[in-house]
Amino acid sequence: MFECMEVLSIAMEKGISAYAIKRNWRLDDSIQSKIVAMAFSMAADIERELISQRTKEALRSRKAAGATLGSPKGPGKSNLDKFRPEIEGLLANGARQKFIAQRYDTARDKKNG
């Protein structure tokens, strides 16, 4: 619902009309529509604030319980870890990074060498 209200609010700001067939209402240039859009906008702001408060409270609770927050420190796992000695050897012998990326199928553009 939050995303829908935000989209409708942005649409009103940009002068885009929206019609809801099931609920039989519309958002256009009329005063009634502006009131509805303002209500949607306020509801979206309130929901955003509530989400933020819930998130902060959950993080405080987890931290108080001793949980480690955030990403783990240090290097992560890589699919190339098993090839590390070979890759280091290629780099030491002057191989280009693009060549190495293509060799281990990690290059974005494999056609241009």
N, C-alpha and C. Protein backbone atom coordinates (compact mmCIF):
# COMPACT_ATOMS: atom_id res chain seq x y z
N MET A 1 0.83 -1.20 0.00
CA MET A 1 0.00 0.00 0.00
C MET A 1 0.86 1.25 0.00
N PHE A 2 1.97 1.19 0.76
CA PHE A 2 2.87 2.33 0.88
C PHE A 2 3.38 2.76 -0.50
N GLU A 3 3.85 1.81 -1.31
CA GLU A 3 4.39 2.13 -2.62
C GLU A 3 3.32 2.74 -3.52
N CYS A 4 2.12 2.20 -3.44
CA CYS A 4 1.01 2.69 -4.25
C CYS A 4 0.70 4.14 -3.90
N MET A 5 0.65 4.44 -2.61
CA MET A 5 0.36 5.81 -2.19
C MET A 5 1.45 6.77 -2.65
N GLU A 6 2.69 6.31 -2.56
CA GLU A 6 3.80 7.16 -2.98
C GLU A 6 3.75 7.43 -4.48
N VAL A 7 3.45 6.41 -5.27
CA VAL A 7 3.34 6.59 -6.72
C VAL A 7 2.21 7.56 -7.06
N LEU A 8 1.08 7.40 -6.40
CA LEU A 8 -0.05 8.30 -6.65
C LEU A 8 0.29 9.74 -6.26
N SER A 9 1.00 9.91 -5.18
CA SER A 9 1.40 11.25 -4.75
C SER A 9 2.32 11.89 -5.78
N ILE A 10 3.29 11.13 -6.26
CA ILE A 10 4.21 11.64 -7.29
C ILE A 10 3.46 11.96 -8.57
N ALA A 11 2.51 11.09 -8.94
CA ALA A 11 1.72 11.33 -10.16
C ALA A 11 0.96 12.65 -10.05
N MET A 12 0.37 12.90 -8.89
CA MET A 12 -0.35 14.17 -8.70
C MET A 12 0.58 15.36 -8.83
N GLU A 13 1.77 15.26 -8.23
CA GLU A 13 2.74 16.35 -8.31
C GLU A 13 3.12 16.65 -9.75
N LYS A 14 3.14 15.62 -10.59
CA LYS A 14 3.54 15.79 -12.00
C LYS A 14 2.36 16.07 -12.92
N GLY A 15 1.16 16.18 -12.35
CA GLY A 15 -0.01 16.49 -13.15
C GLY A 15 -0.59 15.30 -13.90
N ILE A 16 -0.31 14.10 -13.46
CA ILE A 16 -0.81 12.89 -14.10
C ILE A 16 -2.10 12.48 -13.40
N SER A 17 -3.15 12.23 -14.16
CA SER A 17 -4.43 11.79 -13.60
C SER A 17 -4.43 10.29 -13.42
N ALA A 18 -5.06 9.83 -12.33
CA ALA A 18 -5.19 8.40 -12.07
C ALA A 18 -6.64 8.12 -11.73
N TYR A 19 -7.15 7.00 -12.22
CA TYR A 19 -8.54 6.62 -12.00
C TYR A 19 -8.58 5.22 -11.39
N ALA A 20 -9.37 5.04 -10.34
CA ALA A 20 -9.56 3.73 -9.71
C ALA A 20 -11.00 3.31 -10.00
N ILE A 21 -11.16 2.31 -10.82
CA ILE A 21 -12.48 1.86 -11.24
C ILE A 21 -13.22 1.21 -10.06
N LYS A 22 -12.56 0.30 -9.35
CA LYS A 22 -13.22 -0.43 -8.26
C LYS A 22 -13.70 0.49 -7.15
N ARG A 23 -12.88 1.42 -6.75
CA ARG A 23 -13.22 2.32 -5.64
C ARG A 23 -13.97 3.57 -6.11
N ASN A 24 -14.06 3.73 -7.42
CA ASN A 24 -14.78 4.85 -8.03
C ASN A 24 -14.26 6.21 -7.54
N TRP A 25 -12.94 6.40 -7.64
CA TRP A 25 -12.37 7.70 -7.35
C TRP A 25 -11.33 8.03 -8.40
N ARG A 26 -10.96 9.30 -8.46
CA ARG A 26 -9.96 9.72 -9.43
C ARG A 26 -9.06 10.77 -8.80
N LEU A 27 -7.85 10.83 -9.31
CA LEU A 27 -6.91 11.88 -8.94
C LEU A 27 -6.64 12.70 -10.18
N ASP A 28 -7.14 13.92 -10.17
CA ASP A 28 -6.90 14.83 -11.28
C ASP A 28 -6.65 16.21 -10.72
N ASP A 29 -7.13 17.24 -11.37
CA ASP A 29 -6.85 18.62 -10.96
C ASP A 29 -7.91 19.20 -10.02
N SER A 30 -8.90 18.42 -9.63
CA SER A 30 -9.98 18.94 -8.79
C SER A 30 -9.52 19.09 -7.33
N ILE A 31 -10.24 19.89 -6.56
CA ILE A 31 -9.91 20.11 -5.16
C ILE A 31 -10.04 18.83 -4.35
N GLN A 32 -11.08 18.01 -4.65
CA GLN A 32 -11.26 16.74 -3.96
C GLN A 32 -10.05 15.83 -4.19
N SER A 33 -9.56 15.82 -5.41
CA SER A 33 -8.41 15.00 -5.75
C SER A 33 -7.17 15.48 -5.02
N LYS A 34 -7.04 16.80 -4.90
CA LYS A 34 -5.88 17.34 -4.20
C LYS A 34 -5.92 16.95 -2.72
N ILE A 35 -7.11 16.92 -2.14
CA ILE A 35 -7.25 16.51 -0.74
C ILE A 35 -6.88 15.03 -0.60
N VAL A 36 -7.38 14.20 -1.51
CA VAL A 36 -7.05 12.77 -1.48
C VAL A 36 -5.55 12.57 -1.66
N ALA A 37 -4.96 13.30 -2.60
CA ALA A 37 -3.52 13.17 -2.85
C ALA A 37 -2.72 13.60 -1.62
N MET A 38 -3.18 14.66 -0.95
CA MET A 38 -2.51 15.12 0.26
C MET A 38 -2.61 14.05 1.35
N ALA A 39 -3.77 13.42 1.46
CA ALA A 39 -3.94 12.35 2.44
C ALA A 39 -3.02 11.17 2.11
N PHE A 40 -2.93 10.82 0.83
CA PHE A 40 -2.02 9.74 0.41
C PHE A 40 -0.58 10.10 0.76
N SER A 41 -0.22 11.32 0.48
CA SER A 41 1.14 11.77 0.74
C SER A 41 1.45 11.72 2.23
N MET A 42 0.51 12.21 3.06
CA MET A 42 0.71 12.17 4.51
C MET A 42 0.79 10.73 5.01
N ALA A 43 -0.06 9.87 4.49
CA ALA A 43 -0.04 8.46 4.89
C ALA A 43 1.29 7.81 4.51
N ALA A 44 1.80 8.15 3.33
CA ALA A 44 3.08 7.60 2.89
C ALA A 44 4.21 8.08 3.80
N ASP A 45 4.20 9.36 4.17
CA ASP A 45 5.22 9.90 5.08
C ASP A 45 5.15 9.22 6.44
N ILE A 46 3.94 9.03 6.95
CA ILE A 46 3.76 8.37 8.24
C ILE A 46 4.26 6.93 8.18
N GLU A 47 3.91 6.23 7.12
CA GLU A 47 4.34 4.84 6.97
C GLU A 47 5.86 4.76 6.88
N ARG A 48 6.48 5.67 6.15
CA ARG A 48 7.94 5.70 6.03
C ARG A 48 8.57 5.88 7.42
N GLU A 49 8.03 6.80 8.19
CA GLU A 49 8.55 7.06 9.54
C GLU A 49 8.35 5.84 10.45
N LEU A 50 7.19 5.18 10.36
CA LEU A 50 6.95 3.99 11.17
C LEU A 50 7.91 2.86 10.81
N ILE A 51 8.17 2.68 9.53
CA ILE A 51 9.12 1.66 9.09
C ILE A 51 10.50 1.96 9.66
N SER A 52 10.90 3.21 9.58
CA SER A 52 12.20 3.62 10.11
C SER A 52 12.29 3.35 11.61
N GLN A 53 11.25 3.70 12.34
CA GLN A 53 11.25 3.47 13.79
C GLN A 53 11.32 1.98 14.12
N ARG A 54 10.55 1.17 13.39
CA ARG A 54 10.57 -0.28 13.65
C ARG A 54 11.95 -0.86 13.35
N THR A 55 12.56 -0.41 12.27
CA THR A 55 13.89 -0.90 11.90
C THR A 55 14.91 -0.53 12.96
N LYS A 56 14.90 0.73 13.40
CA LYS A 56 15.86 1.18 14.41
C LYS A 56 15.66 0.41 15.72
N GLU A 57 14.42 0.20 16.11
CA GLU A 57 14.14 -0.54 17.34
C GLU A 57 14.61 -1.99 17.23
N ALA A 58 14.39 -2.61 16.10
CA ALA A 58 14.83 -4.00 15.91
C ALA A 58 16.36 -4.08 15.97
N LEU A 59 17.04 -3.11 15.37
CA LEU A 59 18.51 -3.10 15.41
C LEU A 59 19.01 -2.88 16.84
N ARG A 60 18.38 -1.97 17.57
CA ARG A 60 18.76 -1.74 18.98
C ARG A 60 18.57 -3.02 19.79
N SER A 61 17.45 -3.70 19.56
CA SER A 61 17.14 -4.92 20.29
C SER A 61 18.18 -6.01 19.98
N ARG A 62 18.52 -6.17 18.73
CA ARG A 62 19.50 -7.19 18.34
C ARG A 62 20.88 -6.87 18.91
N LYS A 63 21.23 -5.58 18.87
CA LYS A 63 22.53 -5.17 19.41
C LYS A 63 22.57 -5.41 20.92
N ALA A 64 21.48 -5.10 21.63
CA ALA A 64 21.41 -5.33 23.08
C ALA A 64 21.50 -6.82 23.40
N ALA A 65 21.02 -7.66 22.48
CA ALA A 65 21.07 -9.10 22.69
C ALA A 65 22.44 -9.68 22.34
N GLY A 66 23.36 -8.81 21.88
CA GLY A 66 24.72 -9.26 21.58
C GLY A 66 24.97 -9.66 20.15
N ALA A 67 24.01 -9.46 19.28
CA ALA A 67 24.21 -9.81 17.87
C ALA A 67 25.17 -8.83 17.21
N THR A 68 25.99 -9.32 16.30
CA THR A 68 26.89 -8.47 15.53
C THR A 68 26.11 -7.91 14.36
N LEU A 69 26.11 -6.59 14.23
CA LEU A 69 25.38 -5.95 13.14
C LEU A 69 26.33 -5.60 11.99
N GLY A 70 25.79 -5.57 10.79
CA GLY A 70 26.58 -5.18 9.63
C GLY A 70 27.24 -6.38 8.97
N SER A 71 27.98 -6.08 7.93
CA SER A 71 28.69 -7.12 7.18
C SER A 71 29.90 -7.59 7.97
N PRO A 72 30.28 -8.85 7.81
CA PRO A 72 31.46 -9.35 8.50
C PRO A 72 32.71 -8.60 8.04
N LYS A 73 33.65 -8.41 8.96
CA LYS A 73 34.90 -7.73 8.64
C LYS A 73 35.82 -8.68 7.87
N GLY A 74 36.67 -8.11 7.05
CA GLY A 74 37.67 -8.89 6.33
C GLY A 74 37.19 -9.30 4.95
N PRO A 75 38.06 -10.00 4.23
CA PRO A 75 37.71 -10.39 2.85
C PRO A 75 36.61 -11.44 2.83
N GLY A 76 35.79 -11.36 1.82
CA GLY A 76 34.70 -12.32 1.68
C GLY A 76 35.11 -13.50 0.82
N LYS A 77 34.21 -14.41 0.67
CA LYS A 77 34.45 -15.57 -0.18
C LYS A 77 34.25 -15.17 -1.63
N SER A 78 35.04 -15.75 -2.49
CA SER A 78 34.94 -15.48 -3.92
C SER A 78 34.96 -16.80 -4.67
N ASN A 79 34.29 -16.82 -5.80
CA ASN A 79 34.32 -18.02 -6.65
C ASN A 79 35.71 -18.25 -7.22
N LEU A 80 36.55 -17.22 -7.18
CA LEU A 80 37.90 -17.34 -7.73
C LEU A 80 38.93 -17.74 -6.69
N ASP A 81 38.53 -17.90 -5.43
CA ASP A 81 39.48 -18.25 -4.37
C ASP A 81 40.28 -19.50 -4.72
N LYS A 82 39.64 -20.48 -5.31
CA LYS A 82 40.35 -21.73 -5.62
C LYS A 82 41.40 -21.55 -6.72
N PHE A 83 41.30 -20.45 -7.48
CA PHE A 83 42.27 -20.18 -8.54
C PHE A 83 43.31 -19.13 -8.12
N ARG A 84 43.30 -18.73 -6.86
CA ARG A 84 44.15 -17.63 -6.40
C ARG A 84 45.64 -17.82 -6.78
N PRO A 85 46.26 -18.97 -6.47
CA PRO A 85 47.69 -19.11 -6.82
C PRO A 85 47.95 -18.95 -8.32
N GLU A 86 47.06 -19.52 -9.12
CA GLU A 86 47.23 -19.42 -10.57
C GLU A 86 47.06 -17.98 -11.05
N ILE A 87 46.06 -17.27 -10.52
CA ILE A 87 45.83 -15.88 -10.90
C ILE A 87 47.00 -15.00 -10.48
N GLU A 88 47.52 -15.22 -9.26
CA GLU A 88 48.68 -14.45 -8.81
C GLU A 88 49.88 -14.70 -9.70
N GLY A 89 50.04 -15.94 -10.16
CA GLY A 89 51.13 -16.27 -11.08
C GLY A 89 50.97 -15.55 -12.41
N LEU A 90 49.74 -15.54 -12.93
CA LEU A 90 49.48 -14.85 -14.20
C LEU A 90 49.78 -13.35 -14.07
N LEU A 91 49.36 -12.75 -12.97
CA LEU A 91 49.62 -11.33 -12.75
C LEU A 91 51.11 -11.06 -12.63
N ALA A 92 51.83 -11.94 -11.93
CA ALA A 92 53.28 -11.78 -11.77
C ALA A 92 54.00 -11.88 -13.11
N ASN A 93 53.44 -12.65 -14.03
CA ASN A 93 54.06 -12.81 -15.35
C ASN A 93 53.57 -11.78 -16.35
N GLY A 94 52.82 -10.77 -15.88
CA GLY A 94 52.43 -9.66 -16.75
C GLY A 94 51.11 -9.83 -17.48
N ALA A 95 50.31 -10.83 -17.11
CA ALA A 95 49.02 -11.01 -17.77
C ALA A 95 48.11 -9.83 -17.43
N ARG A 96 47.33 -9.41 -18.43
CA ARG A 96 46.39 -8.31 -18.20
C ARG A 96 45.18 -8.81 -17.41
N GLN A 97 44.60 -7.90 -16.61
CA GLN A 97 43.44 -8.26 -15.80
C GLN A 97 42.26 -8.68 -16.68
N LYS A 98 42.12 -8.04 -17.83
CA LYS A 98 41.02 -8.38 -18.73
C LYS A 98 41.17 -9.82 -19.24
N PHE A 99 42.42 -10.21 -19.56
CA PHE A 99 42.69 -11.57 -20.01
C PHE A 99 42.31 -12.57 -18.92
N ILE A 100 42.71 -12.26 -17.69
CA ILE A 100 42.43 -13.15 -16.56
C ILE A 100 40.92 -13.24 -16.32
N ALA A 101 40.24 -12.11 -16.39
CA ALA A 101 38.78 -12.10 -16.19
C ALA A 101 38.09 -12.96 -17.24
N GLN A 102 38.54 -12.86 -18.48
CA GLN A 102 37.93 -13.67 -19.54
C GLN A 102 38.25 -15.15 -19.35
N ARG A 103 39.46 -15.44 -18.93
CA ARG A 103 39.88 -16.83 -18.74
C ARG A 103 39.03 -17.53 -17.68
N TYR A 104 38.65 -16.80 -16.63
CA TYR A 104 37.86 -17.39 -15.55
C TYR A 104 36.38 -17.03 -15.64
N ASP A 105 35.99 -16.59 -16.83
CA ASP A 105 34.57 -16.32 -17.15
C ASP A 105 33.94 -15.32 -16.18
N THR A 106 34.66 -14.23 -15.91
CA THR A 106 34.11 -13.18 -15.06
C THR A 106 34.03 -11.86 -15.80
N ALA A 107 34.39 -11.84 -17.09
CA ALA A 107 34.38 -10.59 -17.85
C ALA A 107 32.97 -10.25 -18.29
N ARG A 108 32.66 -8.95 -18.31
CA ARG A 108 31.36 -8.50 -18.81
C ARG A 108 31.30 -8.64 -20.33
N ASP A 109 32.37 -8.20 -20.99
CA ASP A 109 32.40 -8.20 -22.45
C ASP A 109 33.45 -9.20 -22.89
N LYS A 110 33.03 -10.40 -23.28
CA LYS A 110 33.96 -11.46 -23.63
C LYS A 110 34.42 -11.38 -25.08
N LYS A 111 33.75 -10.57 -25.91
CA LYS A 111 34.09 -10.51 -27.34
C LYS A 111 35.35 -9.67 -27.58
N ASN A 112 35.47 -8.54 -26.87
CA ASN A 112 36.62 -7.67 -27.09
C ASN A 112 37.76 -8.09 -26.19
N GLY A 113 38.93 -8.39 -26.79
CA GLY A 113 40.01 -8.94 -26.02
C GLY A 113 40.97 -7.97 -25.52
